[in-house]
Amino acid sequence: MRALRVLPAVLLALGLAVGCGAHEGPADEPSSSTPSGYADMQKKVDAAESAAAEADRDARTDK
């Protein structure tokens, strides 16, 4: 049950980090294959998925 309380906080923090990221200087020219910042976004998604999986494992052991 503790994991169910932690997961929304992790997702909220991730959303704020992505939405409130620093926007400095002029925008770079986007490449034709991937949008600007895609690699950073993918790292954050991977971290959130890892945190969710850890929370699920923790929830199973708390029962």
N, C-alpha and C. Protein backbone atom coordinates (compact mmCIF):
# COMPACT_ATOMS: atom_id res chain seq x y z
N MET A 1 0.82 -1.20 0.00
CA MET A 1 0.00 0.00 0.00
C MET A 1 0.86 1.26 0.00
N ARG A 2 2.04 1.15 0.59
CA ARG A 2 2.92 2.31 0.62
C ARG A 2 3.31 2.74 -0.79
N ALA A 3 3.45 1.75 -1.66
CA ALA A 3 3.83 2.06 -3.04
C ALA A 3 2.74 2.85 -3.75
N LEU A 4 1.51 2.57 -3.43
CA LEU A 4 0.40 3.31 -4.05
C LEU A 4 0.40 4.77 -3.63
N ARG A 5 0.95 5.05 -2.46
CA ARG A 5 1.05 6.44 -2.02
C ARG A 5 2.27 7.12 -2.62
N VAL A 6 3.31 6.37 -2.91
CA VAL A 6 4.55 6.93 -3.44
C VAL A 6 4.43 7.20 -4.94
N LEU A 7 3.76 6.33 -5.67
CA LEU A 7 3.67 6.45 -7.12
C LEU A 7 3.11 7.79 -7.58
N PRO A 8 2.00 8.30 -7.03
CA PRO A 8 1.52 9.62 -7.49
C PRO A 8 2.53 10.74 -7.24
N ALA A 9 3.26 10.66 -6.15
CA ALA A 9 4.26 11.69 -5.87
C ALA A 9 5.39 11.64 -6.90
N VAL A 10 5.79 10.44 -7.27
CA VAL A 10 6.85 10.28 -8.28
C VAL A 10 6.37 10.83 -9.61
N LEU A 11 5.15 10.49 -10.00
CA LEU A 11 4.62 10.97 -11.27
C LEU A 11 4.45 12.49 -11.27
N LEU A 12 4.01 13.06 -10.15
CA LEU A 12 3.87 14.51 -10.05
C LEU A 12 5.24 15.19 -10.18
N ALA A 13 6.23 14.67 -9.49
CA ALA A 13 7.57 15.25 -9.58
C ALA A 13 8.12 15.16 -11.00
N LEU A 14 7.88 14.05 -11.65
CA LEU A 14 8.32 13.89 -13.03
C LEU A 14 7.62 14.89 -13.94
N GLY A 15 6.31 15.05 -13.77
CA GLY A 15 5.56 16.00 -14.58
C GLY A 15 6.04 17.43 -14.39
N LEU A 16 6.32 17.79 -13.15
CA LEU A 16 6.82 19.14 -12.87
C LEU A 16 8.22 19.34 -13.45
N ALA A 17 9.05 18.33 -13.36
CA ALA A 17 10.41 18.44 -13.90
C ALA A 17 10.38 18.62 -15.41
N VAL A 18 9.51 17.89 -16.07
CA VAL A 18 9.42 17.99 -17.53
C VAL A 18 8.76 19.31 -17.92
N GLY A 19 7.68 19.68 -17.25
CA GLY A 19 6.93 20.88 -17.61
C GLY A 19 7.61 22.18 -17.23
N CYS A 20 8.40 22.16 -16.18
CA CYS A 20 9.03 23.38 -15.69
C CYS A 20 10.53 23.40 -15.96
N GLY A 21 10.97 22.66 -16.93
CA GLY A 21 12.40 22.62 -17.26
C GLY A 21 12.88 23.99 -17.72
N ALA A 22 14.17 24.20 -17.60
CA ALA A 22 14.76 25.48 -17.99
C ALA A 22 14.68 25.66 -19.50
N HIS A 23 14.25 26.83 -19.90
CA HIS A 23 14.17 27.18 -21.32
C HIS A 23 15.06 28.39 -21.54
N GLU A 24 16.32 28.13 -21.86
CA GLU A 24 17.29 29.22 -22.00
C GLU A 24 17.63 29.44 -23.46
N GLY A 25 17.78 30.68 -23.84
CA GLY A 25 18.24 31.03 -25.18
C GLY A 25 17.26 30.69 -26.27
N PRO A 26 17.68 30.92 -27.51
CA PRO A 26 16.79 30.63 -28.64
C PRO A 26 16.61 29.13 -28.83
N ALA A 27 15.51 28.77 -29.41
CA ALA A 27 15.23 27.36 -29.65
C ALA A 27 16.18 26.81 -30.71
N ASP A 28 16.64 25.61 -30.49
CA ASP A 28 17.50 24.95 -31.48
C ASP A 28 16.64 24.49 -32.65
N GLU A 29 17.30 24.30 -33.77
CA GLU A 29 16.60 23.77 -34.93
C GLU A 29 16.27 22.30 -34.67
N PRO A 30 15.01 21.92 -34.72
CA PRO A 30 14.68 20.52 -34.48
C PRO A 30 15.18 19.63 -35.62
N SER A 31 15.64 18.45 -35.27
CA SER A 31 16.08 17.53 -36.30
C SER A 31 14.85 16.91 -36.95
N SER A 32 15.04 16.35 -38.11
CA SER A 32 13.91 15.79 -38.83
C SER A 32 13.46 14.46 -38.24
N SER A 33 14.34 13.78 -37.49
CA SER A 33 13.98 12.45 -37.00
C SER A 33 13.43 12.45 -35.58
N THR A 34 13.97 13.27 -34.68
CA THR A 34 13.48 13.29 -33.30
C THR A 34 13.36 14.73 -32.81
N PRO A 35 12.42 14.98 -31.91
CA PRO A 35 12.26 16.33 -31.38
C PRO A 35 13.40 16.70 -30.43
N SER A 36 13.58 17.99 -30.24
CA SER A 36 14.60 18.50 -29.34
C SER A 36 14.32 18.01 -27.92
N GLY A 37 15.33 17.57 -27.22
CA GLY A 37 15.17 17.12 -25.84
C GLY A 37 14.63 15.71 -25.71
N TYR A 38 14.55 14.99 -26.80
CA TYR A 38 13.97 13.64 -26.77
C TYR A 38 14.79 12.71 -25.87
N ALA A 39 16.11 12.80 -25.93
CA ALA A 39 16.95 11.91 -25.13
C ALA A 39 16.74 12.16 -23.64
N ASP A 40 16.67 13.43 -23.24
CA ASP A 40 16.42 13.75 -21.84
C ASP A 40 15.04 13.27 -21.41
N MET A 41 14.06 13.46 -22.27
CA MET A 41 12.71 13.01 -21.97
C MET A 41 12.68 11.49 -21.80
N GLN A 42 13.39 10.78 -22.67
CA GLN A 42 13.42 9.32 -22.59
C GLN A 42 14.06 8.86 -21.29
N LYS A 43 15.11 9.55 -20.84
CA LYS A 43 15.75 9.21 -19.57
C LYS A 43 14.78 9.38 -18.41
N LYS A 44 14.00 10.46 -18.45
CA LYS A 44 13.03 10.71 -17.38
C LYS A 44 11.92 9.67 -17.39
N VAL A 45 11.48 9.29 -18.57
CA VAL A 45 10.44 8.25 -18.67
C VAL A 45 10.99 6.93 -18.14
N ASP A 46 12.21 6.59 -18.51
CA ASP A 46 12.83 5.36 -18.02
C ASP A 46 12.95 5.37 -16.50
N ALA A 47 13.32 6.51 -15.93
CA ALA A 47 13.44 6.63 -14.48
C ALA A 47 12.08 6.47 -13.81
N ALA A 48 11.04 7.05 -14.40
CA ALA A 48 9.70 6.93 -13.83
C ALA A 48 9.21 5.49 -13.91
N GLU A 49 9.47 4.82 -15.03
CA GLU A 49 9.07 3.42 -15.16
C GLU A 49 9.81 2.55 -14.15
N SER A 50 11.08 2.84 -13.95
CA SER A 50 11.86 2.09 -12.98
C SER A 50 11.33 2.31 -11.56
N ALA A 51 10.98 3.55 -11.24
CA ALA A 51 10.42 3.85 -9.92
C ALA A 51 9.08 3.17 -9.73
N ALA A 52 8.27 3.13 -10.77
CA ALA A 52 6.97 2.47 -10.68
C ALA A 52 7.15 0.97 -10.49
N ALA A 53 8.10 0.37 -11.19
CA ALA A 53 8.36 -1.06 -11.04
C ALA A 53 8.86 -1.36 -9.63
N GLU A 54 9.72 -0.50 -9.11
CA GLU A 54 10.21 -0.69 -7.75
C GLU A 54 9.08 -0.56 -6.74
N ALA A 55 8.19 0.39 -6.96
CA ALA A 55 7.04 0.56 -6.07
C ALA A 55 6.13 -0.67 -6.12
N ASP A 56 5.95 -1.24 -7.30
CA ASP A 56 5.15 -2.46 -7.43
C ASP A 56 5.80 -3.62 -6.67
N ARG A 57 7.11 -3.77 -6.81
CA ARG A 57 7.81 -4.84 -6.08
C ARG A 57 7.68 -4.62 -4.58
N ASP A 58 7.82 -3.38 -4.15
CA ASP A 58 7.71 -3.05 -2.73
C ASP A 58 6.30 -3.35 -2.22
N ALA A 59 5.30 -3.05 -3.03
CA ALA A 59 3.91 -3.30 -2.62
C ALA A 59 3.65 -4.79 -2.47
N ARG A 60 4.25 -5.59 -3.33
CA ARG A 60 4.05 -7.04 -3.23
C ARG A 60 4.70 -7.60 -1.98
N THR A 61 5.82 -7.03 -1.55
CA THR A 61 6.50 -7.54 -0.36
C THR A 61 5.86 -7.03 0.92
N ASP A 62 5.10 -5.94 0.87
CA ASP A 62 4.44 -5.39 2.05
C ASP A 62 3.20 -6.16 2.45
N LYS A 63 2.68 -6.98 1.57
CA LYS A 63 1.41 -7.68 1.87
C LYS A 63 1.57 -8.72 2.91
